[in-house]
Amino acid sequence: MKLAYTLLLLFVTVTLKVFAQSPEKMSYQAIVRAQDNSLVVNSRVSLRIIVHQGTATGTNVYLETHSVTTNANGLVSLEIGTGTIGTGDFSKIAWDKGPYFIETQVDVKGGSNYNITGVTQLLSVPYALYAKTAGGTSSTPFRSAIVSLTSSRNIAAGDVNNTIECTASSTLTLTSDFGSMAIGETINLEAHNGAVLTIQAASGVTINYNAAGSGKFTSTAGNVRFGFLRKTGTNSYIISGQ
């Protein structure tokens, strides 16, 4: 009997290379499981990544393939934008013309017999990629600033469209009626080397549709945990990557 396989998306993060000649790329991690929910471990698998514009079945603006090996936990890691290109140019995707969806296909035997495993909406496009197509140029893209966070505080204007680098366990509180962040703007979130970054909504503020909600990004020693914060309305936010 032919087994069906599933691919569980853990998180998608984006980094913008400093040098103009290097491509933008999205760091992608996923866990591959068999139909019986067992992990596909220490195996060479093929992945095909398709970026759709508009809807989950919308225009195919980019396609690439990867050959990677799962680890002992069934985890695969790759960078979208660095695979074997089949369609499009990742550096020329108009991120300001979204929404965008990432379709993932997999062949657990490492060939090209891909099975469609699902489509995930890219809910937050980091500002560096968005600005490059919305108003910047390919030679001088917007570069986000790194904002150090080592003690708990409220969200600040300088955080918006930049990267929070949490290197000591701290809480960033989203205050009511924070006017320095427009709807649709984002903040990149990073917890480093064992630090825990907590995002806490104050009274009257929602996170992921939960009033006074919170989220945690827990890193391990020698690693970084990534996420994104996006403002979706007055006193409402979405966070991803927990």
Protein backbone atom coordinates (compact mmCIF):
# COMPACT_ATOMS: atom_id res chain seq x y z
CA MET A 1 0.00 0.00 0.00
CA LYS A 2 1.33 3.42 -0.92
CA LEU A 3 1.80 5.61 2.14
CA ALA A 4 0.87 9.28 2.18
CA TYR A 5 3.30 11.67 3.80
CA THR A 6 2.72 14.99 5.50
CA LEU A 7 5.00 17.94 6.02
CA LEU A 8 4.48 20.06 9.13
CA LEU A 9 5.66 23.64 8.74
CA LEU A 10 7.35 24.88 11.87
CA PHE A 11 8.27 28.41 10.93
CA VAL A 12 9.45 30.58 8.13
CA THR A 13 11.88 33.40 8.76
CA VAL A 14 13.40 35.94 6.44
CA THR A 15 16.81 37.58 6.36
CA LEU A 16 18.06 40.17 3.90
CA LYS A 17 21.66 39.78 2.77
CA VAL A 18 23.75 42.91 3.20
CA PHE A 19 25.48 42.66 -0.17
CA ALA A 20 23.52 43.64 -3.25
CA GLN A 21 24.84 40.70 -5.28
CA SER A 22 23.57 38.12 -2.74
CA PRO A 23 19.96 36.92 -2.98
CA GLU A 24 17.34 37.50 -0.35
CA LYS A 25 16.37 34.25 1.33
CA MET A 26 13.85 32.76 3.72
CA SER A 27 15.04 30.26 6.32
CA TYR A 28 12.62 27.34 6.33
CA GLN A 29 12.32 24.40 8.74
CA ALA A 30 9.85 21.55 8.66
CA ILE A 31 9.25 18.13 10.20
CA VAL A 32 8.46 15.25 7.83
CA ARG A 33 6.13 12.53 9.15
CA ALA A 34 4.66 9.39 7.61
CA GLN A 35 0.94 8.60 7.53
CA ASP A 36 1.24 6.68 10.81
CA ASN A 37 2.71 9.86 12.34
CA SER A 38 6.18 8.33 12.58
CA LEU A 39 9.09 10.62 11.81
CA VAL A 40 10.98 10.28 8.53
CA VAL A 41 14.45 10.38 10.09
CA ASN A 42 17.96 10.50 8.66
CA SER A 43 16.60 10.27 5.12
CA ARG A 44 17.38 12.13 1.91
CA VAL A 45 14.17 13.85 0.72
CA SER A 46 13.26 16.19 -2.12
CA LEU A 47 11.28 19.37 -1.57
CA ARG A 48 9.62 21.61 -4.11
CA ILE A 49 8.73 25.10 -2.90
CA ILE A 50 6.19 27.20 -4.83
CA VAL A 51 5.30 30.81 -4.01
CA HIS A 52 1.75 31.78 -5.03
CA GLN A 53 0.49 35.35 -5.27
CA GLY A 54 -3.01 36.44 -4.30
CA THR A 55 -4.53 33.12 -3.17
CA ALA A 56 -3.44 29.63 -2.21
CA THR A 57 -3.94 28.59 -5.85
CA GLY A 58 -2.98 31.93 -7.34
CA THR A 59 -0.25 32.88 -9.78
CA ASN A 60 2.93 30.85 -9.43
CA VAL A 61 5.58 33.56 -9.14
CA TYR A 62 8.46 31.38 -8.01
CA LEU A 63 9.40 27.69 -7.86
CA GLU A 64 12.54 25.95 -6.69
CA THR A 65 13.61 22.48 -5.56
CA HIS A 66 15.88 21.23 -2.80
CA SER A 67 17.48 17.92 -1.88
CA VAL A 68 18.02 17.77 1.88
CA THR A 69 18.46 15.21 4.67
CA THR A 70 16.18 14.95 7.69
CA ASN A 71 17.87 14.70 11.06
CA ALA A 72 17.17 12.26 13.90
CA ASN A 73 14.03 14.27 14.73
CA GLY A 74 12.70 14.33 11.17
CA LEU A 75 13.66 17.99 10.80
CA VAL A 76 14.75 19.52 7.51
CA SER A 77 16.28 22.97 7.16
CA LEU A 78 16.77 24.97 3.98
CA GLU A 79 16.79 28.50 2.65
CA ILE A 80 14.12 29.48 0.14
CA GLY A 81 15.83 31.51 -2.54
CA THR A 82 18.92 29.29 -2.75
CA GLY A 83 17.48 26.13 -4.34
CA THR A 84 17.46 24.94 -7.94
CA ILE A 85 15.21 27.47 -9.68
CA GLY A 86 12.38 26.21 -11.85
CA THR A 87 10.30 29.37 -12.29
CA GLY A 88 10.76 33.07 -11.54
CA ASP A 89 13.34 35.15 -9.69
CA PHE A 90 13.08 35.28 -5.90
CA SER A 91 14.84 38.65 -5.71
CA LYS A 92 12.20 40.22 -7.97
CA ILE A 93 9.05 39.10 -6.12
CA ALA A 94 6.86 42.17 -5.52
CA TRP A 95 6.20 41.63 -1.82
CA ASP A 96 4.05 44.77 -1.70
CA LYS A 97 1.59 43.07 -4.09
CA GLY A 98 0.60 40.27 -1.69
CA PRO A 99 -0.72 38.29 0.01
CA TYR A 100 1.61 35.39 -0.75
CA PHE A 101 1.31 31.67 -0.04
CA ILE A 102 4.00 29.00 0.15
CA GLU A 103 3.09 25.58 -1.23
CA THR A 104 5.34 22.71 -0.16
CA GLN A 105 5.63 19.41 -2.01
CA VAL A 106 7.77 16.47 -0.92
CA ASP A 107 9.17 13.20 -2.22
CA VAL A 108 10.43 11.25 0.78
CA LYS A 109 12.47 8.97 -1.49
CA GLY A 110 14.54 11.87 -2.78
CA GLY A 111 13.20 11.79 -6.32
CA SER A 112 10.76 13.97 -8.23
CA ASN A 113 7.50 12.18 -7.39
CA TYR A 114 6.23 15.05 -5.29
CA ASN A 115 3.12 14.86 -3.13
CA ILE A 116 1.30 18.12 -2.35
CA THR A 117 1.50 18.52 1.39
CA GLY A 118 -0.16 21.84 2.00
CA VAL A 119 -0.16 25.57 1.48
CA THR A 120 0.72 28.11 4.16
CA GLN A 121 0.02 31.82 3.93
CA LEU A 122 3.03 34.02 4.51
CA LEU A 123 1.33 36.27 7.04
CA SER A 124 4.21 38.67 7.59
CA VAL A 125 6.71 39.85 4.99
CA PRO A 126 9.69 41.48 6.73
CA TYR A 127 9.99 45.16 5.98
CA ALA A 128 13.37 44.82 4.30
CA LEU A 129 11.87 42.73 1.50
CA TYR A 130 8.66 44.75 1.33
CA ALA A 131 10.46 48.09 1.08
CA LYS A 132 12.75 46.90 -1.68
CA THR A 133 9.82 46.47 -4.06
CA ALA A 134 7.50 49.11 -2.63
CA GLY A 135 9.91 52.00 -2.80
CA GLY A 136 13.57 51.00 -2.52
CA THR A 137 15.96 49.91 -5.22
CA SER A 138 17.74 46.62 -5.70
CA SER A 139 21.09 48.29 -5.10
CA THR A 140 20.07 50.17 -1.95
CA PRO A 141 17.42 48.12 -0.10
CA PHE A 142 16.13 49.12 3.31
CA ARG A 143 18.20 47.57 6.10
CA SER A 144 16.56 47.01 9.45
CA ALA A 145 18.34 48.13 12.58
CA ILE A 146 19.20 45.70 15.38
CA VAL A 147 17.55 46.78 18.64
CA SER A 148 19.06 45.12 21.73
CA LEU A 149 16.65 43.89 24.40
CA THR A 150 18.17 42.79 27.72
CA SER A 151 15.50 43.98 30.17
CA SER A 152 11.71 44.19 30.09
CA ARG A 153 10.08 47.32 28.68
CA ASN A 154 7.18 48.64 26.60
CA ILE A 155 7.17 48.66 22.81
CA ALA A 156 8.85 51.77 21.40
CA ALA A 157 8.83 53.70 18.13
CA GLY A 158 12.39 52.57 17.41
CA ASP A 159 11.29 48.92 17.34
CA VAL A 160 9.00 49.32 14.33
CA ASN A 161 10.29 47.74 11.10
CA ASN A 162 13.47 46.69 12.88
CA THR A 163 14.79 43.56 14.65
CA ILE A 164 14.45 42.97 18.39
CA GLU A 165 17.54 41.03 19.51
CA CYS A 166 16.78 39.53 22.93
CA THR A 167 19.95 38.22 24.55
CA ALA A 168 18.68 38.11 28.17
CA SER A 169 15.20 36.88 29.08
CA SER A 170 12.88 39.89 28.85
CA THR A 171 9.28 40.92 28.19
CA LEU A 172 8.19 43.35 25.49
CA THR A 173 4.77 44.77 26.36
CA LEU A 174 2.37 45.95 23.65
CA THR A 175 0.71 49.00 25.14
CA SER A 176 -2.76 50.30 24.39
CA ASP A 177 -3.13 52.75 21.47
CA PHE A 178 0.52 52.49 20.42
CA GLY A 179 0.44 55.04 17.61
CA SER A 180 3.96 54.71 16.24
CA MET A 181 3.19 51.46 14.40
CA ALA A 182 0.87 51.51 11.40
CA ILE A 183 -1.40 48.62 10.49
CA GLY A 184 0.60 46.19 8.37
CA GLU A 185 3.99 47.18 9.76
CA THR A 186 6.14 44.50 11.36
CA ILE A 187 8.87 43.84 13.89
CA ASN A 188 11.34 40.95 13.56
CA LEU A 189 11.78 39.02 16.82
CA GLU A 190 14.88 37.07 17.89
CA ALA A 191 15.61 35.20 21.12
CA HIS A 192 19.30 34.28 21.41
CA ASN A 193 21.39 31.63 23.13
CA GLY A 194 18.99 30.43 25.85
CA ALA A 195 17.10 33.70 26.33
CA VAL A 196 13.30 33.76 26.48
CA LEU A 197 11.54 36.64 24.72
CA THR A 198 7.98 37.18 25.95
CA ILE A 199 5.53 39.35 24.00
CA GLN A 200 2.77 40.53 26.33
CA ALA A 201 -0.39 42.42 25.42
CA ALA A 202 -1.51 45.05 27.90
CA SER A 203 -5.15 45.46 28.90
CA GLY A 204 -7.24 46.31 25.86
CA VAL A 205 -4.75 44.82 23.41
CA THR A 206 -5.08 41.47 21.60
CA ILE A 207 -2.43 39.06 20.35
CA ASN A 208 -3.60 36.44 17.87
CA TYR A 209 -7.20 37.36 18.74
CA ASN A 210 -6.68 36.77 22.47
CA ALA A 211 -7.32 39.73 24.76
CA ALA A 212 -4.28 40.54 26.91
CA GLY A 213 -2.63 37.51 25.32
CA SER A 214 1.03 36.65 25.24
CA GLY A 215 3.57 34.60 23.32
CA LYS A 216 7.02 33.26 24.08
CA PHE A 217 10.10 32.68 21.95
CA THR A 218 12.34 30.29 23.86
CA SER A 219 15.84 29.80 22.49
CA THR A 220 18.37 27.14 23.37
CA ALA A 221 22.09 27.53 24.01
CA GLY A 222 23.94 28.19 20.79
CA ASN A 223 20.77 28.83 18.78
CA VAL A 224 18.31 31.57 17.83
CA ARG A 225 14.50 31.45 17.82
CA PHE A 226 12.90 33.68 15.19
CA GLY A 227 9.44 35.22 14.87
CA PHE A 228 7.45 38.18 13.61
CA LEU A 229 5.04 40.68 15.05
CA ARG A 230 2.56 42.40 12.74
CA LYS A 231 -0.04 45.03 13.60
CA THR A 232 -3.44 44.06 12.17
CA GLY A 233 -5.66 46.75 13.63
CA THR A 234 -6.05 49.25 16.44
CA ASN A 235 -4.70 47.48 19.53
CA SER A 236 -4.47 44.13 17.74
CA TYR A 237 -1.41 42.16 16.63
CA ILE A 238 -0.41 38.81 15.21
CA ILE A 239 2.76 37.01 16.20
CA SER A 240 4.19 33.97 14.43
CA GLY A 241 7.09 31.62 14.99
CA GLN A 242 6.39 30.61 18.59
